[in-house]
């Protein structure tokens, strides 16, 4: 037997009950056979999370500062440690108390009729908790169904309360479909509030959204959810897990909007994509445009497919305040920025530390990078530092280049390289128009108006001592492993009153020694 009931929300007296007999009955057992997918558990928190987010202090204690003509390294900038990462908890965010403030604004529209169907219908007076009064209640059992506009609610048993069918609730596994946006919601408990045109879920709710344009599917689970059908918005709280074809995201709150296919993750959000990890205070994902906006304490961990010579994974860590990430099918572009005073975008690798104000990375795994403003690069093993205003990095060629460029004040800034010994005493300094550093060979090449300073022995580390000798040339090569600096291209030694030219000048900074070779002329 099938009951079909329609009630008009504006005229209480126009209810119509139509009874149609069927030849066969549906078994309600099939309605109880739905089992929710296993909840995805986030991987364990890695030790790399312990890296300070806002720290601008390198592994050796020194910090970058703005590069001027006389740079004094070693001036510390007070670091601000990152907030401690904690696991998501449903107690972090109040749920029902905040729902009224967060629900999207809806226009008061003419109410559409509500349709019911099922195998058994009961009509009685029951206590309606919302009004605290006995209200007319329609109970539908066995293949119960409620339809309203674009929404359809299915469950073994559904109770419809209120004179105008104001409220529908099911304590059994329930499925709600939004046909307009091709979204399906399942849970162990569900409510539908007609006046607000919204549904509330708990007991392991799951939302599945199939995007018609991109053909992508996303699945969201949480402790509890709300669905607003007028605006196509789904809000989930507590232990949020979002899965799509690109990766898995975790948070304590998610707001998903169908109109622009946008998901906002808040409350310790993090995304896992293959071996890469993305962390921030807030993440906004435009899934159709394939753009991700990361805001506040941004941390990105990129793991290379190939391991190093010792069999260890090579991880690049990028931190900043803001990042815009475009993830196309073939080319990826990410822009990282810092918007706080005395803060830097920080790139950390096993062999080097890099700081700058803005960074643009391109390619799968971010193979190519551009560095802007207040660049500071430290080669950890060989104690070499590069400074400049614009630079590039190629992961494939393993080369870093730094170029002459005006700073934000319009002043022309030449790149600078400092050579330190193992005790952190500055031994040499080179300026030029272009620097090209081979990261494998540990060799730095300087071209154009090269100026080399050899310093006297210093009594304090990380301070610039008195200049012992100054040599100028058009080309220089600084070899970290041999601990030599070769100057060519008509190089010459210079003092206040004279010059000495040679075919080649070789400096040995550790020994405070210079050699002039071939075609020597001039005097001191």
Protein backbone atom coordinates (compact mmCIF):
# COMPACT_ATOMS: atom_id res chain seq x y z
CA UNK A 1 0.00 0.00 0.00
CA UNK A 2 1.43 3.45 -0.92
CA UNK A 3 0.30 6.66 0.75
CA UNK A 4 0.81 9.94 -1.11
CA UNK A 5 0.06 13.16 0.79
CA UNK A 6 0.26 16.83 -0.20
CA UNK A 7 -0.19 19.81 2.10
CA UNK A 8 -0.21 23.47 1.09
CA UNK A 9 1.85 25.68 3.42
CA UNK A 10 -0.52 28.69 3.22
CA UNK A 11 -3.97 27.09 3.57
CA UNK A 12 -4.35 24.66 6.42
CA UNK A 13 -7.71 23.37 5.20
CA UNK A 14 -6.57 22.26 1.75
CA UNK A 15 -4.76 19.04 2.73
CA UNK A 16 -5.50 16.13 0.37
CA UNK A 17 -4.85 12.45 1.12
CA UNK A 18 -4.59 10.15 -1.88
CA UNK A 19 -4.29 6.39 -1.34
CA UNK A 20 -3.00 4.18 -4.13
CA UNK A 21 -2.70 0.42 -3.78
CA UNK A 22 0.31 -1.36 -5.09
CA UNK A 23 0.59 -5.00 -6.08
CA UNK A 24 3.82 -5.47 -4.12
CA UNK A 25 5.36 -4.05 -0.95
CA UNK A 26 8.89 -2.77 -0.62
CA UNK A 27 10.90 -4.28 2.16
CA UNK A 28 12.33 -1.77 4.60
CA UNK A 29 15.34 -4.01 5.08
CA UNK A 30 16.94 -2.50 1.99
CA UNK A 31 16.64 0.91 3.61
CA UNK A 32 18.75 -0.19 6.55
CA UNK A 33 21.43 -1.83 4.43
CA UNK A 34 23.39 1.41 3.79
CA UNK A 35 26.67 1.47 5.63
CA UNK A 36 28.74 4.64 5.65
CA UNK A 37 32.26 4.50 4.23
CA UNK A 38 35.05 4.03 6.73
CA UNK A 39 36.19 7.35 8.06
CA UNK A 40 39.57 8.32 6.68
CA UNK A 41 42.13 8.71 9.43
CA UNK A 42 44.80 11.40 8.98
CA UNK A 43 48.38 10.23 8.91
CA UNK A 44 50.51 10.72 11.97
CA UNK A 45 51.94 14.18 12.56
CA UNK A 46 55.50 14.29 11.26
CA UNK A 47 58.50 15.72 13.05
CA UNK A 48 58.85 18.32 10.32
CA UNK A 49 55.80 20.08 11.74
CA UNK A 50 57.99 21.16 14.63
CA UNK A 51 59.89 23.61 12.41
CA UNK A 52 59.12 27.20 13.58
CA UNK A 53 56.88 28.93 11.09
CA UNK A 54 57.77 32.57 11.55
CA UNK A 55 61.39 32.05 12.54
CA UNK A 56 63.83 33.90 10.32
CA UNK A 57 66.85 32.49 12.12
CA UNK A 58 68.95 30.05 10.11
CA UNK A 59 70.48 26.83 11.36
CA UNK A 60 73.54 28.78 12.54
CA UNK A 61 71.78 31.61 14.32
CA UNK A 62 72.32 34.40 11.77
CA UNK A 63 69.40 36.19 10.13
CA UNK A 64 69.04 38.08 6.84
CA UNK A 65 68.66 41.85 6.73
CA UNK A 66 68.13 44.33 3.91
CA UNK A 67 71.12 44.33 1.55
CA UNK A 68 72.88 47.69 1.29
CA UNK A 69 76.35 48.67 0.08
CA UNK A 70 77.82 47.78 3.47
CA UNK A 71 75.92 44.76 4.76
CA UNK A 72 76.56 43.66 8.33
CA UNK A 73 75.39 40.06 8.70
CA UNK A 74 74.40 38.62 12.02
CA UNK A 75 71.82 41.18 13.22
CA UNK A 76 69.14 39.02 14.76
CA UNK A 77 65.46 39.60 14.08
CA UNK A 78 63.26 38.54 16.94
CA UNK A 79 61.54 35.35 15.71
CA UNK A 80 57.91 34.60 16.52
CA UNK A 81 57.29 30.87 16.98
CA UNK A 82 54.37 29.26 15.20
CA UNK A 83 51.28 28.21 17.10
CA UNK A 84 51.44 24.65 18.28
CA UNK A 85 49.70 22.17 16.00
CA UNK A 86 46.98 20.16 17.66
CA UNK A 87 44.64 17.48 16.44
CA UNK A 88 41.18 18.54 15.35
CA UNK A 89 38.47 18.18 17.94
CA UNK A 90 34.73 18.58 17.72
CA UNK A 91 34.88 20.60 20.94
CA UNK A 92 37.01 23.30 19.31
CA UNK A 93 34.01 25.03 17.71
CA UNK A 94 30.53 25.38 19.20
CA UNK A 95 28.06 23.99 16.70
CA UNK A 96 24.37 24.64 17.15
CA UNK A 97 24.93 27.86 19.11
CA UNK A 98 26.70 29.41 16.10
CA UNK A 99 24.59 27.99 13.33
CA UNK A 100 22.16 30.91 13.25
CA UNK A 101 25.01 33.41 12.79
CA UNK A 102 26.73 31.45 10.04
CA UNK A 103 23.83 30.32 7.89
CA UNK A 104 23.64 32.18 4.56
CA UNK A 105 20.99 34.84 4.20
CA UNK A 106 17.89 33.55 2.45
CA UNK A 107 15.00 35.40 0.87
CA UNK A 108 11.45 34.73 2.03
CA UNK A 109 9.92 33.04 -0.95
CA UNK A 110 6.59 31.43 -1.59
CA UNK A 111 6.62 27.98 -0.02
CA UNK A 112 6.51 25.04 -2.41
CA UNK A 113 4.35 22.02 -1.51
CA UNK A 114 5.75 19.04 0.33
CA UNK A 115 5.10 15.52 -1.00
CA UNK A 116 5.25 12.34 1.10
CA UNK A 117 5.27 8.68 0.13
CA UNK A 118 5.89 5.35 1.86
CA UNK A 119 4.49 1.92 2.70
CA UNK A 120 2.74 2.85 5.96
CA UNK A 121 1.37 6.20 7.13
CA UNK A 122 0.39 7.14 10.69
CA UNK A 123 -1.32 10.41 11.61
CA UNK A 124 -1.31 11.49 15.26
CA UNK A 125 -0.65 14.30 17.73
CA UNK A 126 2.90 14.34 19.17
CA UNK A 127 4.99 16.80 21.16
CA UNK A 128 6.90 19.12 18.82
CA UNK A 129 10.10 20.18 20.60
CA UNK A 130 10.48 23.33 18.54
CA UNK A 131 7.16 24.79 19.73
CA UNK A 132 6.72 22.78 22.94
CA UNK A 133 3.18 21.90 21.84
CA UNK A 134 1.37 18.83 20.58
CA UNK A 135 1.43 19.09 16.81
CA UNK A 136 -0.04 17.08 13.98
CA UNK A 137 2.57 14.45 13.09
CA UNK A 138 2.69 12.27 9.97
CA UNK A 139 4.89 9.19 10.40
CA UNK A 140 5.92 7.39 7.20
CA UNK A 141 7.51 3.93 7.47
CA UNK A 142 8.94 1.63 4.84
CA UNK A 143 10.59 3.37 1.91
CA UNK A 144 9.71 6.75 3.44
CA UNK A 145 10.23 9.74 1.19
CA UNK A 146 9.76 13.52 1.48
CA UNK A 147 10.15 15.84 -1.55
CA UNK A 148 10.37 19.64 -1.51
CA UNK A 149 11.58 21.71 -4.47
CA UNK A 150 15.00 20.31 -5.46
CA UNK A 151 15.35 18.24 -2.25
CA UNK A 152 14.45 14.61 -1.69
CA UNK A 153 14.75 12.87 1.70
CA UNK A 154 14.70 9.03 1.91
CA UNK A 155 14.73 6.83 5.02
CA UNK A 156 12.99 3.82 6.56
CA UNK A 157 11.00 6.12 8.87
CA UNK A 158 10.37 9.86 8.61
CA UNK A 159 8.27 12.03 10.95
CA UNK A 160 6.70 15.20 9.53
CA UNK A 161 5.56 17.72 12.17
CA UNK A 162 3.71 21.03 12.23
CA UNK A 163 0.48 22.22 10.64
CA UNK A 164 2.36 23.28 7.50
CA UNK A 165 4.78 20.33 7.40
CA UNK A 166 7.37 22.59 9.01
CA UNK A 167 9.80 19.91 10.09
CA UNK A 168 10.88 16.41 9.00
CA UNK A 169 13.17 14.16 11.04
CA UNK A 170 14.55 10.64 10.76
CA UNK A 171 16.39 8.65 13.45
CA UNK A 172 17.27 5.98 10.88
CA UNK A 173 19.96 6.04 8.17
CA UNK A 174 18.86 8.85 5.88
CA UNK A 175 19.78 10.02 2.37
CA UNK A 176 19.07 13.52 1.06
CA UNK A 177 19.61 14.46 -2.57
CA UNK A 178 19.99 17.97 -3.95
CA UNK A 179 19.16 17.46 -7.63
CA UNK A 180 20.06 21.02 -8.63
CA UNK A 181 23.73 20.64 -7.68
CA UNK A 182 24.06 16.87 -8.01
CA UNK A 183 24.89 16.52 -4.29
CA UNK A 184 24.07 13.50 -2.11
CA UNK A 185 24.13 13.55 1.72
CA UNK A 186 23.97 10.46 3.95
CA UNK A 187 23.94 10.16 7.75
CA UNK A 188 22.59 8.16 10.66
CA UNK A 189 20.30 11.05 11.64
CA UNK A 190 18.78 13.87 9.60
CA UNK A 191 16.41 16.83 9.91
CA UNK A 192 14.76 19.05 7.29
CA UNK A 193 13.47 22.52 8.30
CA UNK A 194 11.08 23.79 5.68
CA UNK A 195 11.01 27.51 6.61
CA UNK A 196 14.79 27.75 6.37
CA UNK A 197 15.02 25.29 3.47
CA UNK A 198 17.92 23.56 5.21
CA UNK A 199 18.88 20.13 6.51
CA UNK A 200 20.89 19.15 9.59
CA UNK A 201 22.86 15.87 9.90
CA UNK A 202 24.88 14.03 12.48
CA UNK A 203 25.92 10.43 13.22
CA UNK A 204 28.69 10.10 10.65
CA UNK A 205 27.38 12.37 7.88
CA UNK A 206 28.86 12.08 4.39
CA UNK A 207 28.46 14.53 1.48
CA UNK A 208 29.29 13.48 -2.09
CA UNK A 209 29.41 16.20 -4.75
CA UNK A 210 29.84 15.44 -8.46
CA UNK A 211 30.78 18.55 -10.41
CA UNK A 212 28.96 18.64 -13.74
CA UNK A 213 31.57 20.84 -15.48
CA UNK A 214 34.83 19.31 -14.31
CA UNK A 215 33.51 15.75 -13.77
CA UNK A 216 35.37 15.78 -10.46
CA UNK A 217 33.99 14.13 -7.35
CA UNK A 218 34.60 15.32 -3.79
CA UNK A 219 33.57 13.61 -0.56
CA UNK A 220 33.28 15.37 2.81
CA UNK A 221 32.80 13.76 6.22
CA UNK A 222 32.44 15.53 9.57
CA UNK A 223 30.88 15.17 13.02
CA UNK A 224 27.81 17.18 11.96
CA UNK A 225 26.68 19.16 8.91
CA UNK A 226 24.14 21.67 7.66
CA UNK A 227 22.92 21.97 4.08
CA UNK A 228 21.26 25.21 2.85
CA UNK A 229 19.43 24.37 -0.38
CA UNK A 230 18.60 27.97 -1.44
CA UNK A 231 22.28 28.95 -1.61
CA UNK A 232 23.79 25.52 -2.27
CA UNK A 233 26.01 25.75 0.81
CA UNK A 234 27.17 22.89 3.04
CA UNK A 235 28.83 23.56 6.41
CA UNK A 236 30.55 20.81 8.39
CA UNK A 237 32.06 20.85 11.88
CA UNK A 238 34.46 18.66 13.82
CA UNK A 239 36.95 16.15 12.36
CA UNK A 240 36.34 17.32 8.79
CA UNK A 241 37.85 15.14 6.05
CA UNK A 242 37.61 16.25 2.41
CA UNK A 243 38.76 13.88 -0.34
CA UNK A 244 39.02 14.53 -4.09
CA UNK A 245 41.17 13.38 -7.01
CA UNK A 246 44.06 15.67 -5.97
CA UNK A 247 44.45 14.78 -2.30
CA UNK A 248 42.93 14.77 1.17
CA UNK A 249 42.19 17.77 3.40
CA UNK A 250 41.59 17.90 7.16
CA UNK A 251 40.13 20.66 9.35
CA UNK A 252 37.63 21.33 12.12
CA UNK A 253 35.31 23.35 9.86
CA UNK A 254 34.49 23.34 6.15
CA UNK A 255 32.19 25.61 4.13
CA UNK A 256 31.42 24.30 0.65
CA UNK A 257 29.54 26.42 -1.91
CA UNK A 258 28.19 24.83 -5.09
CA UNK A 259 27.84 28.02 -7.17
CA UNK A 260 31.60 28.59 -7.49
CA UNK A 261 32.72 25.11 -6.41
CA UNK A 262 34.55 26.65 -3.46
CA UNK A 263 35.62 24.95 -0.23
CA UNK A 264 36.94 26.91 2.78
CA UNK A 265 38.87 24.89 5.37
CA UNK A 266 39.41 26.41 8.83
CA UNK A 267 40.57 25.18 12.21
CA UNK A 268 44.09 23.75 11.76
CA UNK A 269 43.54 22.89 8.07
CA UNK A 270 46.06 20.73 6.21
CA UNK A 271 46.13 19.05 2.80
CA UNK A 272 48.06 15.92 1.80
CA UNK A 273 48.85 15.57 -1.91
CA UNK A 274 50.96 12.50 -2.73
CA UNK A 275 54.12 13.13 -0.67
CA UNK A 276 53.48 16.88 -0.34
CA UNK A 277 51.90 18.56 2.68
CA UNK A 278 50.24 22.01 2.87
CA UNK A 279 49.44 23.80 6.15
CA UNK A 280 47.93 27.22 6.93
CA UNK A 281 45.50 29.01 9.25
CA UNK A 282 42.89 29.13 6.47
CA UNK A 283 42.62 27.47 3.06
CA UNK A 284 40.24 28.43 0.25
CA UNK A 285 39.99 25.96 -2.64
CA UNK A 286 38.40 27.00 -5.95
CA UNK A 287 38.12 23.50 -7.38
CA UNK A 288 36.78 24.43 -10.82
CA UNK A 289 39.48 27.07 -11.39
CA UNK A 290 42.07 24.83 -9.69
CA UNK A 291 43.30 27.61 -7.39
CA UNK A 292 44.13 27.30 -3.69
CA UNK A 293 44.60 30.35 -1.43
CA UNK A 294 46.57 29.71 1.78
CA UNK A 295 46.51 32.40 4.46
CA UNK A 296 48.40 32.75 7.75
CA UNK A 297 51.38 30.65 8.87
CA UNK A 298 51.69 28.97 5.50
CA UNK A 299 53.92 25.89 5.44
CA UNK A 300 54.51 23.67 2.42
CA UNK A 301 56.55 20.45 2.54
CA UNK A 302 57.64 19.17 -0.89
CA UNK A 303 59.22 15.71 -1.07
CA UNK A 304 61.18 14.79 -4.19
CA UNK A 305 60.66 11.43 -5.86
CA UNK A 306 64.39 10.67 -5.96
CA UNK A 307 66.40 10.23 -2.77
CA UNK A 308 69.86 11.67 -2.13
CA UNK A 309 73.16 9.77 -2.36
CA UNK A 310 72.70 8.50 1.21
CA UNK A 311 69.21 7.14 0.52
CA UNK A 312 67.41 9.92 2.40
CA UNK A 313 64.31 11.73 1.19
CA UNK A 314 64.93 15.26 -0.07
CA UNK A 315 62.38 17.64 1.48
CA UNK A 316 61.99 21.33 0.61
CA UNK A 317 60.12 23.43 3.19
CA UNK A 318 58.58 26.78 2.17
CA UNK A 319 56.99 29.07 4.77
CA UNK A 320 55.32 32.47 4.52
CA UNK A 321 52.17 34.44 5.39
CA UNK A 322 50.26 33.99 2.14
CA UNK A 323 50.34 31.65 -0.85
CA UNK A 324 48.35 31.35 -4.07
CA UNK A 325 48.66 27.93 -5.65
CA UNK A 326 47.47 27.07 -9.19
CA UNK A 327 47.42 23.36 -9.83
CA UNK A 328 46.75 22.59 -13.50
CA UNK A 329 47.13 19.19 -15.11
CA UNK A 330 50.69 19.80 -16.34
CA UNK A 331 52.04 23.07 -14.93
CA UNK A 332 51.76 24.29 -11.37
CA UNK A 333 52.39 27.85 -10.22
CA UNK A 334 52.66 28.92 -6.60
CA UNK A 335 53.27 32.42 -5.26
CA UNK A 336 54.39 32.87 -1.66
CA UNK A 337 54.45 36.25 0.10
CA UNK A 338 55.11 37.74 3.50
CA UNK A 339 52.92 40.58 4.73
CA UNK A 340 54.39 41.19 8.17
CA UNK A 341 57.26 43.50 9.04
CA UNK A 342 60.58 41.72 9.65
CA UNK A 343 59.17 38.50 8.22
CA UNK A 344 60.38 36.49 5.21
CA UNK A 345 59.38 33.72 2.88
CA UNK A 346 61.68 30.91 3.98
CA UNK A 347 62.87 27.97 1.85
CA UNK A 348 64.70 25.26 3.76
CA UNK A 349 66.62 22.37 2.23
CA UNK A 350 69.11 19.95 3.70
CA UNK A 351 72.02 21.85 2.14
CA UNK A 352 70.78 25.46 2.11
CA UNK A 353 68.51 28.12 3.60
CA UNK A 354 66.87 30.81 1.45
CA UNK A 355 64.94 33.94 2.50
CA UNK A 356 63.12 36.54 0.41
CA UNK A 357 60.02 38.74 0.48
CA UNK A 358 58.23 37.05 -2.42
CA UNK A 359 58.68 33.78 -4.26
CA UNK A 360 57.07 32.41 -7.45
CA UNK A 361 57.53 28.69 -8.14
CA UNK A 362 56.54 26.81 -11.29
CA UNK A 363 56.32 23.24 -12.57
CA UNK A 364 55.43 19.86 -11.12
CA UNK A 365 57.12 19.75 -7.72
CA UNK A 366 57.90 23.49 -8.16
CA UNK A 367 61.05 22.89 -10.21
CA UNK A 368 61.72 26.54 -11.08
CA UNK A 369 61.63 29.48 -8.65
CA UNK A 370 61.90 33.27 -8.85
CA UNK A 371 63.04 35.18 -5.75
CA UNK A 372 62.22 38.85 -5.11
CA UNK A 373 63.47 41.46 -2.61
CA UNK A 374 65.94 41.03 0.25
CA UNK A 375 67.22 37.69 -0.97
CA UNK A 376 69.48 35.81 1.40
CA UNK A 377 70.88 32.36 0.50
CA UNK A 378 73.06 30.35 2.87
CA UNK A 379 75.02 27.29 1.74
CA UNK A 380 75.18 25.49 5.07
CA UNK A 381 78.03 23.08 4.43
CA UNK A 382 80.40 25.47 2.64
CA UNK A 383 79.65 28.63 4.62
CA UNK A 384 78.82 30.82 1.62
CA UNK A 385 76.14 33.52 1.63
CA UNK A 386 74.48 35.31 -1.31
CA UNK A 387 72.46 38.54 -1.08
CA UNK A 388 70.45 40.37 -3.73
CA UNK A 389 67.11 41.77 -4.92
CA UNK A 390 66.20 39.28 -7.67
CA UNK A 391 67.18 35.68 -8.28
CA UNK A 392 66.20 32.37 -9.91
CA UNK A 393 66.53 28.73 -8.86
CA UNK A 394 66.43 25.61 -11.03
CA UNK A 395 65.97 22.30 -9.26
CA UNK A 396 66.79 20.40 -12.46
CA UNK A 397 70.09 22.21 -13.16
CA UNK A 398 70.78 22.74 -9.46
CA UNK A 399 71.79 26.35 -10.01
CA UNK A 400 70.94 29.62 -8.26
CA UNK A 401 71.34 32.95 -10.08
CA UNK A 402 71.18 36.41 -8.50
CA UNK A 403 70.98 39.57 -10.63
CA UNK A 404 71.44 43.32 -10.23
CA UNK A 405 68.08 45.02 -9.77
CA UNK A 406 66.66 48.12 -8.04
CA UNK A 407 65.17 47.57 -4.59
CA UNK A 408 61.78 48.88 -3.47
CA UNK A 409 63.32 52.34 -2.87
CA UNK A 410 64.68 52.54 -6.43
CA UNK A 411 68.32 52.06 -5.35
CA UNK A 412 70.41 49.83 -7.64
CA UNK A 413 71.52 46.81 -5.62
CA UNK A 414 74.31 44.53 -6.83
CA UNK A 415 74.34 40.94 -5.59
CA UNK A 416 76.85 40.20 -2.84
CA UNK A 417 78.57 36.97 -1.80
CA UNK A 418 80.36 36.48 1.52
CA UNK A 419 82.85 33.73 2.24
CA UNK A 420 83.11 32.51 5.88
CA UNK A 421 85.54 30.06 7.40
CA UNK A 422 84.45 27.21 9.68
CA UNK A 423 84.58 29.51 12.75
CA UNK A 424 82.17 32.02 11.15
CA UNK A 425 84.87 34.66 10.54
CA UNK A 426 84.29 36.67 7.34
CA UNK A 427 87.28 36.12 5.03
CA UNK A 428 86.13 37.54 1.69
CA UNK A 429 83.42 39.50 -0.07
CA UNK A 430 82.51 39.69 -3.79
CA UNK A 431 80.08 41.99 -5.59
CA UNK A 432 79.10 41.87 -9.26
CA UNK A 433 76.22 42.26 -11.67
CA UNK A 434 75.35 38.55 -12.01
CA UNK A 435 76.01 35.62 -9.69
CA UNK A 436 75.62 32.02 -10.82
CA UNK A 437 76.06 29.31 -8.19
CA UNK A 438 76.46 25.63 -9.10
CA UNK A 439 74.97 23.79 -6.14
CA UNK A 440 76.58 20.44 -7.07
CA UNK A 441 80.12 21.70 -7.68
CA UNK A 442 79.88 24.30 -4.88
CA UNK A 443 81.28 26.98 -7.20
CA UNK A 444 80.02 30.58 -7.52
CA UNK A 445 80.63 32.54 -10.73
CA UNK A 446 80.49 36.37 -10.67
CA UNK A 447 80.32 38.49 -13.84
CA UNK A 448 80.39 42.22 -14.56
CA UNK A 449 82.16 44.87 -12.45
CA UNK A 450 83.46 42.31 -9.98
CA UNK A 451 84.85 43.76 -6.76
CA UNK A 452 86.65 41.41 -4.35
CA UNK A 453 87.64 42.31 -0.76
CA UNK A 454 90.10 40.23 1.21
CA UNK A 455 89.75 40.97 4.92
CA UNK A 456 92.28 40.97 7.71
CA UNK A 457 91.94 38.52 10.58
CA UNK A 458 88.94 39.42 12.75
CA UNK A 459 88.58 39.05 16.49
CA UNK A 460 84.80 38.46 16.41
CA UNK A 461 82.74 36.17 14.17
CA UNK A 462 79.96 37.50 11.89
CA UNK A 463 81.44 41.02 11.82
CA UNK A 464 83.06 42.78 8.87
CA UNK A 465 86.75 43.37 9.63
CA UNK A 466 89.20 45.81 8.02
CA UNK A 467 89.87 45.41 4.29
CA UNK A 468 93.34 44.00 3.67
CA UNK A 469 93.27 44.03 -0.14
CA UNK A 470 90.83 44.99 -2.90
CA UNK A 471 90.87 43.48 -6.40
CA UNK A 472 88.65 44.32 -9.36
CA UNK A 473 87.92 42.39 -12.54
CA UNK A 474 85.18 41.43 -15.03
CA UNK A 475 84.91 37.79 -13.99
CA UNK A 476 85.51 35.75 -10.82
CA UNK A 477 85.17 32.15 -9.72
CA UNK A 478 84.84 31.23 -6.02
CA UNK A 479 85.48 27.52 -5.36
CA UNK A 480 84.24 26.50 -1.89
CA UNK A 481 85.94 23.11 -1.88
CA UNK A 482 89.36 24.37 -2.98
CA UNK A 483 88.86 27.53 -0.90
CA UNK A 484 90.16 29.70 -3.72
CA UNK A 485 88.93 32.78 -5.60
CA UNK A 486 90.14 33.26 -9.19
CA UNK A 487 89.77 36.71 -10.81
CA UNK A 488 90.32 37.23 -14.55
CA UNK A 489 89.40 39.66 -17.31
CA UNK A 490 92.14 42.24 -16.77
CA UNK A 491 92.08 42.09 -12.94
CA UNK A 492 94.06 44.53 -10.80
CA UNK A 493 94.85 45.28 -7.18
CA UNK A 494 93.84 48.72 -5.98
CA UNK A 495 94.79 51.08 -3.22
CA UNK A 496 94.28 54.81 -2.76
CA UNK A 497 96.99 55.94 -5.20
CA UNK A 498 97.98 53.07 -7.49
CA UNK A 499 97.04 49.84 -9.31
CA UNK A 500 98.80 46.55 -10.09
CA UNK A 501 97.52 44.63 -13.15
CA UNK A 502 97.94 40.93 -13.88
CA UNK A 503 96.53 38.23 -16.19
CA UNK A 504 95.07 36.43 -13.18
CA UNK A 505 94.72 37.08 -9.47
CA UNK A 506 94.16 34.15 -7.10
CA UNK A 507 92.97 34.77 -3.52
CA UNK A 508 93.26 32.29 -0.63
CA UNK A 509 90.88 33.79 1.96
CA UNK A 510 91.65 31.25 4.70
CA UNK A 511 95.34 32.15 4.53
CA UNK A 512 94.83 35.90 3.93
CA UNK A 513 97.00 35.58 0.82
CA UNK A 514 96.95 36.83 -2.81
CA UNK A 515 98.84 35.62 -5.89
CA UNK A 516 99.31 37.64 -9.10
CA UNK A 517 100.12 35.55 -12.19
CA UNK A 518 101.47 36.59 -15.61
CA UNK A 519 101.69 40.00 -17.29
CA UNK A 520 102.17 41.88 -14.02
CA UNK A 521 102.55 45.65 -14.35
CA UNK A 522 102.06 48.75 -12.21
CA UNK A 523 103.17 49.55 -8.68
CA UNK A 524 102.04 50.51 -5.22
